């Protein structure tokens, strides 16, 4: 009996120690046009541990890219950002959002047109909702045109097909990547470097 109790105590202690050493992460779901662009942009930020491209905000379960492109499912192309709040704050992630796309464009982003490319923040808690609304209000003071970004609750996030994940990193010389994403990434890298000085 004593050995069993001591063994159980050691197992609990070891599990607690492992959990205490594991950093706690949180997640945020955002859409700012093509998810290849926003994924590449957020992977630059220190404190971001993972970015997954996907779909959210629609009425069809487990949608495909082709269904999204047909504009019949109601989904937006979004990214789920997993981050360490001890390194990067929710407020910083939201502030960055206003710089990685044009939140004033209606009906798409850049040359990408359609509701799947709309600007959107999807919250999972009242704290995220309040932070998103405060961030949008602050950004609105610096922009000439009205912000069109939706702030809505996240109901379900569907990961996109495997070939969409890390698309820019795996295909830097593809036309869209070279001419649209690469210049944006370079500009954001310079911005992040300047903030570190």
N, C-alpha and C. Protein backbone atom coordinates (compact mmCIF):
# COMPACT_ATOMS: atom_id res chain seq x y z
N UNK A 1 0.83 -1.20 0.00
CA UNK A 1 0.00 0.00 0.00
C UNK A 1 0.87 1.25 0.00
N UNK A 2 1.95 1.23 0.82
CA UNK A 2 2.82 2.39 0.89
C UNK A 2 3.51 2.64 -0.45
N UNK A 3 3.97 1.54 -1.11
CA UNK A 3 4.64 1.69 -2.41
C UNK A 3 3.69 2.28 -3.45
N UNK A 4 2.46 1.82 -3.47
CA UNK A 4 1.47 2.32 -4.42
C UNK A 4 1.21 3.81 -4.18
N UNK A 5 1.06 4.19 -2.92
CA UNK A 5 0.82 5.59 -2.58
C UNK A 5 2.02 6.45 -2.94
N UNK A 6 3.23 5.97 -2.64
CA UNK A 6 4.44 6.72 -2.96
C UNK A 6 4.59 6.85 -4.48
N UNK A 7 4.31 5.77 -5.21
CA UNK A 7 4.37 5.81 -6.68
C UNK A 7 3.38 6.79 -7.25
N UNK A 8 2.16 6.79 -6.71
CA UNK A 8 1.13 7.71 -7.16
C UNK A 8 1.54 9.15 -6.88
N UNK A 9 2.11 9.38 -5.69
CA UNK A 9 2.57 10.71 -5.32
C UNK A 9 3.67 11.19 -6.26
N UNK A 10 4.61 10.30 -6.61
CA UNK A 10 5.68 10.66 -7.54
C UNK A 10 5.12 10.99 -8.93
N UNK A 11 4.15 10.20 -9.39
CA UNK A 11 3.55 10.44 -10.70
C UNK A 11 2.84 11.78 -10.73
N UNK A 12 2.11 12.11 -9.68
CA UNK A 12 1.40 13.39 -9.61
C UNK A 12 2.39 14.54 -9.57
N UNK A 13 3.45 14.39 -8.77
CA UNK A 13 4.48 15.43 -8.66
C UNK A 13 5.18 15.66 -9.99
N UNK A 14 5.50 14.57 -10.69
CA UNK A 14 6.17 14.68 -11.99
C UNK A 14 5.26 15.36 -13.01
N UNK A 15 3.99 14.96 -13.04
CA UNK A 15 3.04 15.57 -13.95
C UNK A 15 2.88 17.06 -13.67
N UNK A 16 2.79 17.42 -12.40
CA UNK A 16 2.65 18.83 -12.04
C UNK A 16 3.88 19.62 -12.47
N UNK A 17 5.06 19.05 -12.24
CA UNK A 17 6.30 19.73 -12.62
C UNK A 17 6.37 19.93 -14.13
N UNK A 18 5.95 18.92 -14.91
CA UNK A 18 5.98 19.04 -16.37
C UNK A 18 5.00 20.12 -16.84
N UNK A 19 3.82 20.16 -16.24
CA UNK A 19 2.83 21.15 -16.63
C UNK A 19 3.27 22.55 -16.24
N UNK A 20 3.94 22.68 -15.10
CA UNK A 20 4.41 23.98 -14.64
C UNK A 20 5.49 24.52 -15.58
N UNK A 21 6.27 23.62 -16.20
CA UNK A 21 7.35 24.04 -17.08
C UNK A 21 6.86 24.33 -18.49
N UNK A 22 5.67 23.88 -18.84
CA UNK A 22 5.13 24.09 -20.17
C UNK A 22 4.50 25.48 -20.26
N UNK A 23 4.92 26.29 -21.23
CA UNK A 23 4.32 27.63 -21.32
C UNK A 23 2.84 27.53 -21.68
N UNK A 24 2.05 28.40 -21.10
CA UNK A 24 0.63 28.43 -21.41
C UNK A 24 0.44 29.24 -22.68
N UNK A 25 -0.35 28.73 -23.60
CA UNK A 25 -0.61 29.45 -24.84
C UNK A 25 -2.09 29.78 -24.94
N UNK A 26 -2.37 30.76 -25.78
CA UNK A 26 -3.74 31.14 -26.08
C UNK A 26 -3.87 31.21 -27.60
N UNK A 27 -5.09 31.37 -28.09
CA UNK A 27 -5.27 31.45 -29.54
C UNK A 27 -6.23 32.57 -29.91
N UNK A 28 -6.10 33.01 -31.15
CA UNK A 28 -6.91 34.09 -31.69
C UNK A 28 -7.16 33.77 -33.17
N UNK A 29 -8.37 34.01 -33.63
CA UNK A 29 -8.72 33.75 -35.03
C UNK A 29 -9.02 35.08 -35.74
N UNK A 30 -8.28 35.31 -36.84
CA UNK A 30 -8.40 36.55 -37.60
C UNK A 30 -8.49 36.25 -39.09
N UNK A 31 -9.15 37.12 -39.83
CA UNK A 31 -9.17 37.04 -41.28
C UNK A 31 -8.88 38.40 -41.87
N UNK A 32 -7.91 38.45 -42.76
CA UNK A 32 -7.54 39.71 -43.40
C UNK A 32 -7.20 39.50 -44.85
N UNK A 33 -8.10 38.87 -45.60
CA UNK A 33 -7.83 38.57 -47.00
C UNK A 33 -7.32 37.15 -47.14
N UNK A 34 -6.47 36.93 -48.12
CA UNK A 34 -5.92 35.60 -48.37
C UNK A 34 -5.15 35.09 -47.16
N UNK A 35 -5.46 33.88 -46.72
CA UNK A 35 -4.78 33.37 -45.52
C UNK A 35 -3.31 33.08 -45.75
N UNK A 36 -2.88 32.94 -47.00
CA UNK A 36 -1.43 32.77 -47.24
C UNK A 36 -0.68 34.01 -46.76
N UNK A 37 -1.27 35.19 -46.98
CA UNK A 37 -0.63 36.45 -46.59
C UNK A 37 -0.62 36.63 -45.07
N UNK A 38 -1.78 36.46 -44.45
CA UNK A 38 -1.84 36.70 -43.01
C UNK A 38 -1.04 35.66 -42.24
N UNK A 39 -1.04 34.42 -42.72
CA UNK A 39 -0.23 33.39 -42.07
C UNK A 39 1.25 33.79 -42.10
N UNK A 40 1.75 34.19 -43.27
CA UNK A 40 3.16 34.58 -43.40
C UNK A 40 3.47 35.78 -42.52
N UNK A 41 2.54 36.72 -42.42
CA UNK A 41 2.76 37.92 -41.60
C UNK A 41 2.86 37.58 -40.11
N UNK A 42 1.95 36.76 -39.61
CA UNK A 42 1.95 36.45 -38.18
C UNK A 42 3.07 35.50 -37.77
N UNK A 43 3.58 34.72 -38.71
CA UNK A 43 4.70 33.84 -38.37
C UNK A 43 5.96 34.63 -38.08
N UNK A 44 5.99 35.92 -38.43
CA UNK A 44 7.14 36.78 -38.16
C UNK A 44 7.20 37.25 -36.71
N UNK A 45 6.06 37.28 -36.03
CA UNK A 45 5.99 37.89 -34.70
C UNK A 45 6.59 37.01 -33.61
N UNK A 46 7.53 37.54 -32.82
CA UNK A 46 8.03 36.80 -31.66
C UNK A 46 6.87 36.51 -30.70
N UNK A 47 6.83 35.31 -30.17
CA UNK A 47 5.76 34.91 -29.26
C UNK A 47 4.67 34.11 -29.93
N UNK A 48 4.59 34.18 -31.25
CA UNK A 48 3.63 33.36 -31.99
C UNK A 48 4.24 31.99 -32.18
N UNK A 49 3.58 30.95 -31.68
CA UNK A 49 4.14 29.61 -31.71
C UNK A 49 3.60 28.75 -32.85
N UNK A 50 2.42 29.14 -33.41
CA UNK A 50 1.85 28.35 -34.49
C UNK A 50 0.79 29.19 -35.21
N UNK A 51 0.70 29.03 -36.51
CA UNK A 51 -0.35 29.68 -37.29
C UNK A 51 -0.92 28.64 -38.25
N UNK A 52 -2.24 28.48 -38.21
CA UNK A 52 -2.92 27.50 -39.06
C UNK A 52 -3.93 28.23 -39.93
N UNK A 53 -3.86 28.01 -41.23
CA UNK A 53 -4.84 28.59 -42.15
C UNK A 53 -6.12 27.75 -42.11
N UNK A 54 -7.26 28.43 -42.20
CA UNK A 54 -8.52 27.69 -42.16
C UNK A 54 -9.71 28.53 -42.58
N UNK A 55 -10.88 28.03 -42.23
CA UNK A 55 -12.14 28.65 -42.61
C UNK A 55 -13.03 28.78 -41.37
N UNK A 56 -13.77 29.89 -41.29
CA UNK A 56 -14.70 30.08 -40.18
C UNK A 56 -15.77 31.08 -40.59
N UNK A 57 -16.86 31.07 -39.85
CA UNK A 57 -17.92 32.05 -40.06
C UNK A 57 -18.98 31.64 -41.06
N UNK A 58 -18.99 30.39 -41.47
CA UNK A 58 -19.97 29.94 -42.45
C UNK A 58 -20.97 28.95 -41.90
N UNK A 59 -21.76 28.36 -42.79
CA UNK A 59 -22.84 27.47 -42.37
C UNK A 59 -22.71 26.04 -42.91
N UNK A 60 -21.56 25.70 -43.48
CA UNK A 60 -21.33 24.36 -44.01
C UNK A 60 -20.23 23.70 -43.19
N UNK A 61 -20.45 22.47 -42.76
CA UNK A 61 -19.44 21.75 -41.97
C UNK A 61 -18.28 21.32 -42.85
N UNK A 62 -17.08 21.48 -42.30
CA UNK A 62 -15.84 21.02 -42.94
C UNK A 62 -15.76 21.42 -44.42
N UNK A 63 -15.82 22.72 -44.71
CA UNK A 63 -15.85 23.16 -46.11
C UNK A 63 -14.51 22.93 -46.81
N UNK A 64 -14.57 22.85 -48.12
CA UNK A 64 -13.36 22.73 -48.93
C UNK A 64 -13.01 24.09 -49.52
N UNK A 65 -11.80 24.21 -50.01
CA UNK A 65 -11.37 25.45 -50.64
C UNK A 65 -12.27 25.78 -51.85
N UNK A 66 -12.62 24.77 -52.62
CA UNK A 66 -13.47 24.99 -53.79
C UNK A 66 -14.84 25.54 -53.38
N UNK A 67 -15.41 25.02 -52.28
CA UNK A 67 -16.69 25.54 -51.80
C UNK A 67 -16.56 26.99 -51.35
N UNK A 68 -15.48 27.30 -50.67
CA UNK A 68 -15.25 28.67 -50.20
C UNK A 68 -15.18 29.62 -51.40
N UNK A 69 -14.44 29.20 -52.43
CA UNK A 69 -14.28 30.04 -53.63
C UNK A 69 -15.59 30.25 -54.38
N UNK A 70 -16.54 29.33 -54.23
CA UNK A 70 -17.86 29.47 -54.86
C UNK A 70 -18.73 30.49 -54.13
N UNK A 71 -18.28 30.96 -52.97
CA UNK A 71 -18.95 32.02 -52.19
C UNK A 71 -20.35 31.63 -51.73
N UNK A 72 -20.58 30.35 -51.50
CA UNK A 72 -21.90 29.91 -51.09
C UNK A 72 -21.96 29.44 -49.63
N UNK A 73 -20.82 29.33 -48.97
CA UNK A 73 -20.82 28.75 -47.62
C UNK A 73 -20.82 29.80 -46.50
N UNK A 74 -20.49 31.04 -46.85
CA UNK A 74 -20.45 32.10 -45.84
C UNK A 74 -19.15 32.18 -45.07
N UNK A 75 -18.21 31.28 -45.34
CA UNK A 75 -16.95 31.28 -44.59
C UNK A 75 -16.00 32.38 -45.04
N UNK A 76 -15.10 32.74 -44.15
CA UNK A 76 -13.98 33.62 -44.47
C UNK A 76 -12.71 32.80 -44.38
N UNK A 77 -11.72 33.16 -45.18
CA UNK A 77 -10.39 32.59 -45.01
C UNK A 77 -9.80 33.25 -43.78
N UNK A 78 -9.41 32.44 -42.80
CA UNK A 78 -8.90 32.96 -41.54
C UNK A 78 -7.63 32.21 -41.14
N UNK A 79 -6.99 32.72 -40.09
CA UNK A 79 -5.87 32.00 -39.48
C UNK A 79 -6.14 31.87 -37.99
N UNK A 80 -5.72 30.75 -37.45
CA UNK A 80 -5.76 30.56 -35.99
C UNK A 80 -4.33 30.72 -35.50
N UNK A 81 -4.12 31.75 -34.69
CA UNK A 81 -2.81 32.08 -34.16
C UNK A 81 -2.71 31.53 -32.75
N UNK A 82 -1.70 30.70 -32.51
CA UNK A 82 -1.41 30.24 -31.15
C UNK A 82 -0.20 31.04 -30.68
N UNK A 83 -0.31 31.61 -29.49
CA UNK A 83 0.75 32.49 -29.02
C UNK A 83 0.98 32.35 -27.51
N UNK A 84 2.16 32.78 -27.10
CA UNK A 84 2.54 32.78 -25.70
C UNK A 84 2.30 34.19 -25.15
N UNK A 85 1.28 34.38 -24.30
CA UNK A 85 0.96 35.72 -23.81
C UNK A 85 2.05 36.32 -22.92
N UNK A 86 3.00 35.49 -22.48
CA UNK A 86 4.13 36.02 -21.71
C UNK A 86 5.12 36.73 -22.62
N UNK A 87 5.03 36.46 -23.93
CA UNK A 87 5.97 37.05 -24.90
C UNK A 87 5.28 38.11 -25.76
N UNK A 88 4.07 37.84 -26.20
CA UNK A 88 3.33 38.80 -27.03
C UNK A 88 1.89 38.89 -26.51
N UNK A 89 1.41 40.10 -26.37
CA UNK A 89 0.07 40.31 -25.80
C UNK A 89 -1.01 40.22 -26.88
N UNK A 90 -2.23 39.99 -26.43
CA UNK A 90 -3.39 40.01 -27.32
C UNK A 90 -3.49 41.37 -27.98
N UNK A 91 -3.24 42.42 -27.21
CA UNK A 91 -3.32 43.78 -27.76
C UNK A 91 -2.32 43.99 -28.88
N UNK A 92 -1.11 43.44 -28.74
CA UNK A 92 -0.09 43.55 -29.79
C UNK A 92 -0.52 42.80 -31.05
N UNK A 93 -1.08 41.60 -30.88
CA UNK A 93 -1.56 40.83 -32.03
C UNK A 93 -2.66 41.60 -32.78
N UNK A 94 -3.55 42.22 -32.03
CA UNK A 94 -4.64 42.98 -32.65
C UNK A 94 -4.12 44.25 -33.30
N UNK A 95 -3.18 44.94 -32.67
CA UNK A 95 -2.60 46.15 -33.27
C UNK A 95 -1.91 45.80 -34.59
N UNK A 96 -1.21 44.69 -34.61
CA UNK A 96 -0.51 44.22 -35.81
C UNK A 96 -1.50 43.95 -36.95
N UNK A 97 -2.67 43.47 -36.58
CA UNK A 97 -3.72 43.14 -37.56
C UNK A 97 -4.04 44.31 -38.48
N UNK A 98 -4.08 45.51 -37.93
CA UNK A 98 -4.45 46.70 -38.71
C UNK A 98 -3.35 47.08 -39.71
N UNK A 99 -2.14 46.52 -39.53
CA UNK A 99 -1.02 46.82 -40.42
C UNK A 99 -0.79 45.75 -41.49
N UNK A 100 -1.33 44.55 -41.28
CA UNK A 100 -1.04 43.46 -42.23
C UNK A 100 -2.06 43.37 -43.37
N UNK A 101 -3.10 44.19 -43.31
CA UNK A 101 -4.08 44.21 -44.40
C UNK A 101 -4.79 45.56 -44.41
N UNK A 102 -5.68 45.76 -45.35
CA UNK A 102 -6.43 47.01 -45.44
C UNK A 102 -7.82 46.78 -44.83
N UNK A 103 -8.02 47.19 -43.58
CA UNK A 103 -9.30 46.93 -42.91
C UNK A 103 -10.43 47.84 -43.37
N UNK A 104 -10.16 48.70 -44.33
CA UNK A 104 -11.21 49.61 -44.84
C UNK A 104 -11.78 49.15 -46.17
N UNK A 105 -11.19 48.13 -46.77
CA UNK A 105 -11.66 47.68 -48.08
C UNK A 105 -12.96 46.87 -47.93
N UNK A 106 -13.88 47.12 -48.83
CA UNK A 106 -15.16 46.41 -48.84
C UNK A 106 -15.11 45.31 -49.90
N UNK A 107 -15.58 44.11 -49.56
CA UNK A 107 -15.74 43.05 -50.55
C UNK A 107 -14.48 42.31 -50.94
N UNK A 108 -13.47 42.34 -50.10
CA UNK A 108 -12.25 41.60 -50.41
C UNK A 108 -11.02 42.25 -49.85
N UNK A 109 -9.89 41.91 -50.43
CA UNK A 109 -8.61 42.43 -49.99
C UNK A 109 -7.67 42.50 -51.18
N UNK A 110 -7.23 43.72 -51.51
CA UNK A 110 -6.38 43.88 -52.69
C UNK A 110 -7.13 43.43 -53.93
N UNK A 111 -6.48 42.57 -54.72
CA UNK A 111 -7.12 42.05 -55.93
C UNK A 111 -7.97 40.81 -55.66
N UNK A 112 -8.01 40.36 -54.41
CA UNK A 112 -8.83 39.19 -54.04
C UNK A 112 -10.22 39.68 -53.65
N UNK A 113 -11.20 39.36 -54.47
CA UNK A 113 -12.56 39.85 -54.22
C UNK A 113 -13.49 38.72 -53.81
N UNK A 114 -14.41 39.03 -52.92
CA UNK A 114 -15.40 38.06 -52.46
C UNK A 114 -15.50 38.06 -50.95
N UNK A 115 -16.62 37.58 -50.43
CA UNK A 115 -16.84 37.59 -48.98
C UNK A 115 -15.85 36.72 -48.19
N UNK A 116 -15.24 35.74 -48.87
CA UNK A 116 -14.29 34.88 -48.17
C UNK A 116 -13.01 35.63 -47.80
N UNK A 117 -12.81 36.82 -48.39
CA UNK A 117 -11.62 37.62 -48.11
C UNK A 117 -11.91 38.81 -47.21
N UNK A 118 -13.07 38.80 -46.55
CA UNK A 118 -13.44 39.93 -45.71
C UNK A 118 -12.54 40.04 -44.48
N UNK A 119 -12.51 41.23 -43.92
CA UNK A 119 -11.75 41.51 -42.70
C UNK A 119 -12.62 41.13 -41.51
N UNK A 120 -12.05 40.27 -40.63
CA UNK A 120 -12.86 39.74 -39.54
C UNK A 120 -12.00 39.34 -38.34
N UNK A 121 -12.51 39.61 -37.16
CA UNK A 121 -11.91 39.15 -35.90
C UNK A 121 -12.95 38.27 -35.24
N UNK A 122 -12.55 37.06 -34.85
CA UNK A 122 -13.49 36.11 -34.25
C UNK A 122 -13.06 35.81 -32.82
N UNK A 123 -13.87 36.21 -31.86
CA UNK A 123 -13.49 36.10 -30.46
C UNK A 123 -14.06 34.83 -29.82
N UNK A 124 -13.38 34.39 -28.75
CA UNK A 124 -13.81 33.20 -28.02
C UNK A 124 -14.14 33.50 -26.57
N UNK A 125 -14.04 34.76 -26.17
CA UNK A 125 -14.34 35.14 -24.79
C UNK A 125 -14.73 36.61 -24.75
N UNK A 126 -15.42 37.03 -23.67
CA UNK A 126 -15.74 38.45 -23.54
C UNK A 126 -14.49 39.33 -23.50
N UNK A 127 -13.40 38.81 -22.94
CA UNK A 127 -12.15 39.58 -22.88
C UNK A 127 -11.60 39.81 -24.29
N UNK A 128 -11.65 38.78 -25.13
CA UNK A 128 -11.18 38.96 -26.51
C UNK A 128 -12.09 39.93 -27.27
N UNK A 129 -13.38 39.84 -27.05
CA UNK A 129 -14.32 40.75 -27.72
C UNK A 129 -14.01 42.20 -27.33
N UNK A 130 -13.84 42.44 -26.02
CA UNK A 130 -13.57 43.79 -25.54
C UNK A 130 -12.25 44.31 -26.10
N UNK A 131 -11.22 43.46 -26.13
CA UNK A 131 -9.92 43.86 -26.67
C UNK A 131 -10.02 44.18 -28.16
N UNK A 132 -10.78 43.38 -28.90
CA UNK A 132 -10.94 43.60 -30.34
C UNK A 132 -11.67 44.91 -30.61
N UNK A 133 -12.73 45.17 -29.84
CA UNK A 133 -13.49 46.41 -30.04
C UNK A 133 -12.67 47.63 -29.68
N UNK A 134 -11.88 47.54 -28.61
CA UNK A 134 -11.02 48.65 -28.22
C UNK A 134 -9.93 48.89 -29.26
N UNK A 135 -9.38 47.81 -29.78
CA UNK A 135 -8.33 47.93 -30.80
C UNK A 135 -8.89 48.56 -32.07
N UNK A 136 -10.08 48.12 -32.48
CA UNK A 136 -10.71 48.69 -33.69
C UNK A 136 -10.98 50.18 -33.51
N UNK A 137 -11.46 50.57 -32.33
CA UNK A 137 -11.73 51.98 -32.07
C UNK A 137 -10.45 52.81 -32.12
N UNK A 138 -9.38 52.27 -31.59
CA UNK A 138 -8.09 52.97 -31.62
C UNK A 138 -7.56 53.09 -33.04
N UNK A 139 -7.65 52.01 -33.82
CA UNK A 139 -7.17 52.02 -35.20
C UNK A 139 -8.00 52.98 -36.05
N UNK A 140 -9.29 53.09 -35.78
CA UNK A 140 -10.16 53.97 -36.56
C UNK A 140 -9.72 55.43 -36.49
N UNK A 141 -9.07 55.81 -35.41
CA UNK A 141 -8.60 57.19 -35.25
C UNK A 141 -7.43 57.50 -36.17
N UNK A 142 -6.75 56.47 -36.67
CA UNK A 142 -5.56 56.68 -37.50
C UNK A 142 -5.81 56.46 -38.99
N UNK A 143 -7.00 55.97 -39.33
CA UNK A 143 -7.31 55.66 -40.73
C UNK A 143 -8.27 56.68 -41.32
N UNK A 144 -8.07 56.99 -42.59
CA UNK A 144 -8.90 57.99 -43.26
C UNK A 144 -10.30 57.45 -43.55
N UNK A 145 -10.38 56.19 -43.99
CA UNK A 145 -11.67 55.59 -44.34
C UNK A 145 -12.21 54.74 -43.20
N UNK A 146 -13.52 54.50 -43.17
CA UNK A 146 -14.11 53.69 -42.10
C UNK A 146 -13.63 52.23 -42.16
N UNK A 147 -13.45 51.65 -40.99
CA UNK A 147 -13.06 50.24 -40.89
C UNK A 147 -14.27 49.37 -41.17
N UNK A 148 -14.07 48.33 -41.98
CA UNK A 148 -15.16 47.41 -42.33
C UNK A 148 -15.07 46.08 -41.57
N UNK A 149 -14.08 45.95 -40.71
CA UNK A 149 -13.81 44.69 -40.00
C UNK A 149 -14.99 44.26 -39.14
N UNK A 150 -15.42 43.02 -39.32
CA UNK A 150 -16.45 42.43 -38.46
C UNK A 150 -15.80 41.91 -37.19
N UNK A 151 -16.49 42.01 -36.07
CA UNK A 151 -16.06 41.38 -34.82
C UNK A 151 -17.21 40.49 -34.38
N UNK A 152 -17.00 39.17 -34.47
CA UNK A 152 -18.07 38.21 -34.23
C UNK A 152 -17.55 37.03 -33.41
N UNK A 153 -18.45 36.30 -32.74
CA UNK A 153 -17.99 35.13 -31.99
C UNK A 153 -17.55 34.00 -32.93
N UNK A 154 -16.53 33.28 -32.52
CA UNK A 154 -16.07 32.11 -33.27
C UNK A 154 -16.95 30.93 -32.91
N UNK A 155 -17.58 30.35 -33.89
CA UNK A 155 -18.39 29.16 -33.65
C UNK A 155 -17.60 27.89 -33.92
N UNK A 156 -16.88 27.86 -35.04
CA UNK A 156 -16.09 26.68 -35.39
C UNK A 156 -14.99 27.08 -36.35
N UNK A 157 -13.79 26.59 -36.09
CA UNK A 157 -12.65 26.79 -36.98
C UNK A 157 -12.38 25.48 -37.69
N UNK A 158 -12.31 25.55 -39.02
CA UNK A 158 -12.02 24.37 -39.82
C UNK A 158 -10.63 24.54 -40.45
N UNK A 159 -9.64 23.73 -40.13
CA UNK A 159 -8.33 23.86 -40.78
C UNK A 159 -8.46 23.66 -42.29
N UNK A 160 -7.72 24.45 -43.04
CA UNK A 160 -7.71 24.32 -44.50
C UNK A 160 -6.90 23.10 -44.90
N UNK A 161 -6.99 22.74 -46.15
CA UNK A 161 -6.28 21.60 -46.70
C UNK A 161 -4.77 21.76 -46.48
N UNK A 162 -4.07 20.64 -46.42
CA UNK A 162 -2.63 20.63 -46.09
C UNK A 162 -1.82 21.51 -47.02
N UNK A 163 -2.18 21.56 -48.29
CA UNK A 163 -1.35 22.33 -49.23
C UNK A 163 -1.42 23.84 -48.99
N UNK A 164 -2.40 24.30 -48.21
CA UNK A 164 -2.47 25.73 -47.87
C UNK A 164 -1.57 26.10 -46.69
N UNK A 165 -1.21 25.13 -45.87
CA UNK A 165 -0.45 25.42 -44.66
C UNK A 165 0.99 25.79 -45.02
N UNK A 166 1.48 26.88 -44.38
CA UNK A 166 2.86 27.37 -44.62
C UNK A 166 3.10 27.59 -46.11
N UNK A 167 2.10 28.06 -46.81
CA UNK A 167 2.18 28.16 -48.26
C UNK A 167 3.33 29.06 -48.72
N UNK A 168 3.45 30.23 -48.12
CA UNK A 168 4.51 31.16 -48.54
C UNK A 168 5.89 30.58 -48.26
N UNK A 169 6.07 29.99 -47.11
CA UNK A 169 7.37 29.42 -46.76
C UNK A 169 7.76 28.30 -47.72
N UNK A 170 6.78 27.52 -48.16
CA UNK A 170 7.07 26.38 -49.05
C UNK A 170 7.11 26.77 -50.53
N UNK A 171 6.52 27.92 -50.87
CA UNK A 171 6.42 28.32 -52.29
C UNK A 171 6.83 29.79 -52.49
N UNK A 172 7.99 30.20 -52.01
CA UNK A 172 8.35 31.63 -52.07
C UNK A 172 8.47 32.19 -53.49
N UNK A 173 8.72 31.33 -54.47
CA UNK A 173 8.90 31.81 -55.84
C UNK A 173 7.65 31.70 -56.69
N UNK A 174 6.55 31.18 -56.13
CA UNK A 174 5.29 31.15 -56.87
C UNK A 174 4.85 32.59 -57.13
N UNK A 175 4.17 32.81 -58.24
CA UNK A 175 3.81 34.17 -58.65
C UNK A 175 3.17 35.01 -57.56
N UNK A 176 2.09 34.53 -56.97
CA UNK A 176 1.37 35.29 -55.94
C UNK A 176 2.28 35.57 -54.75
N UNK A 177 3.07 34.58 -54.37
CA UNK A 177 3.98 34.73 -53.23
C UNK A 177 5.05 35.78 -53.52
N UNK A 178 5.66 35.70 -54.70
CA UNK A 178 6.75 36.60 -55.05
C UNK A 178 6.29 38.05 -55.22
N UNK A 179 5.11 38.24 -55.80
CA UNK A 179 4.68 39.59 -56.13
C UNK A 179 3.74 40.23 -55.11
N UNK A 180 3.05 39.44 -54.34
CA UNK A 180 2.10 39.99 -53.36
C UNK A 180 2.60 39.81 -51.93
N UNK A 181 2.95 38.58 -51.56
CA UNK A 181 3.29 38.30 -50.16
C UNK A 181 4.70 38.77 -49.81
N UNK A 182 5.68 38.48 -50.65
CA UNK A 182 7.08 38.81 -50.32
C UNK A 182 7.29 40.29 -50.00
N UNK A 183 6.77 41.23 -50.80
CA UNK A 183 6.95 42.64 -50.44
C UNK A 183 6.30 43.01 -49.11
N UNK A 184 5.13 42.41 -48.85
CA UNK A 184 4.44 42.68 -47.58
C UNK A 184 5.27 42.14 -46.40
N UNK A 185 5.79 40.93 -46.54
CA UNK A 185 6.60 40.33 -45.49
C UNK A 185 7.86 41.15 -45.23
N UNK A 186 8.50 41.61 -46.31
CA UNK A 186 9.71 42.42 -46.14
C UNK A 186 9.41 43.70 -45.38
N UNK A 187 8.30 44.36 -45.71
CA UNK A 187 7.90 45.59 -45.02
C UNK A 187 7.62 45.31 -43.54
N UNK A 188 6.94 44.22 -43.24
CA UNK A 188 6.63 43.89 -41.85
C UNK A 188 7.89 43.52 -41.08
N UNK A 189 8.83 42.82 -41.73
CA UNK A 189 10.10 42.50 -41.08
C UNK A 189 10.84 43.78 -40.69
N UNK A 190 10.82 44.77 -41.56
CA UNK A 190 11.47 46.05 -41.26
C UNK A 190 10.77 46.76 -40.11
N UNK A 191 9.45 46.68 -40.09
CA UNK A 191 8.68 47.31 -39.01
C UNK A 191 9.00 46.64 -37.67
N UNK A 192 9.04 45.31 -37.64
CA UNK A 192 9.35 44.59 -36.41
C UNK A 192 10.77 44.90 -35.94
N UNK A 193 11.71 44.95 -36.88
CA UNK A 193 13.10 45.27 -36.53
C UNK A 193 13.21 46.67 -35.94
N UNK A 194 12.47 47.63 -36.52
CA UNK A 194 12.51 49.01 -36.03
C UNK A 194 11.93 49.11 -34.62
N UNK A 195 10.91 48.30 -34.34
CA UNK A 195 10.29 48.33 -33.00
C UNK A 195 11.22 47.76 -31.94
N UNK A 196 12.14 46.90 -32.34
CA UNK A 196 13.08 46.29 -31.39
C UNK A 196 14.19 47.26 -30.97
N UNK A 197 14.42 48.29 -31.81
CA UNK A 197 15.51 49.26 -31.53
C UNK A 197 15.15 50.18 -30.40
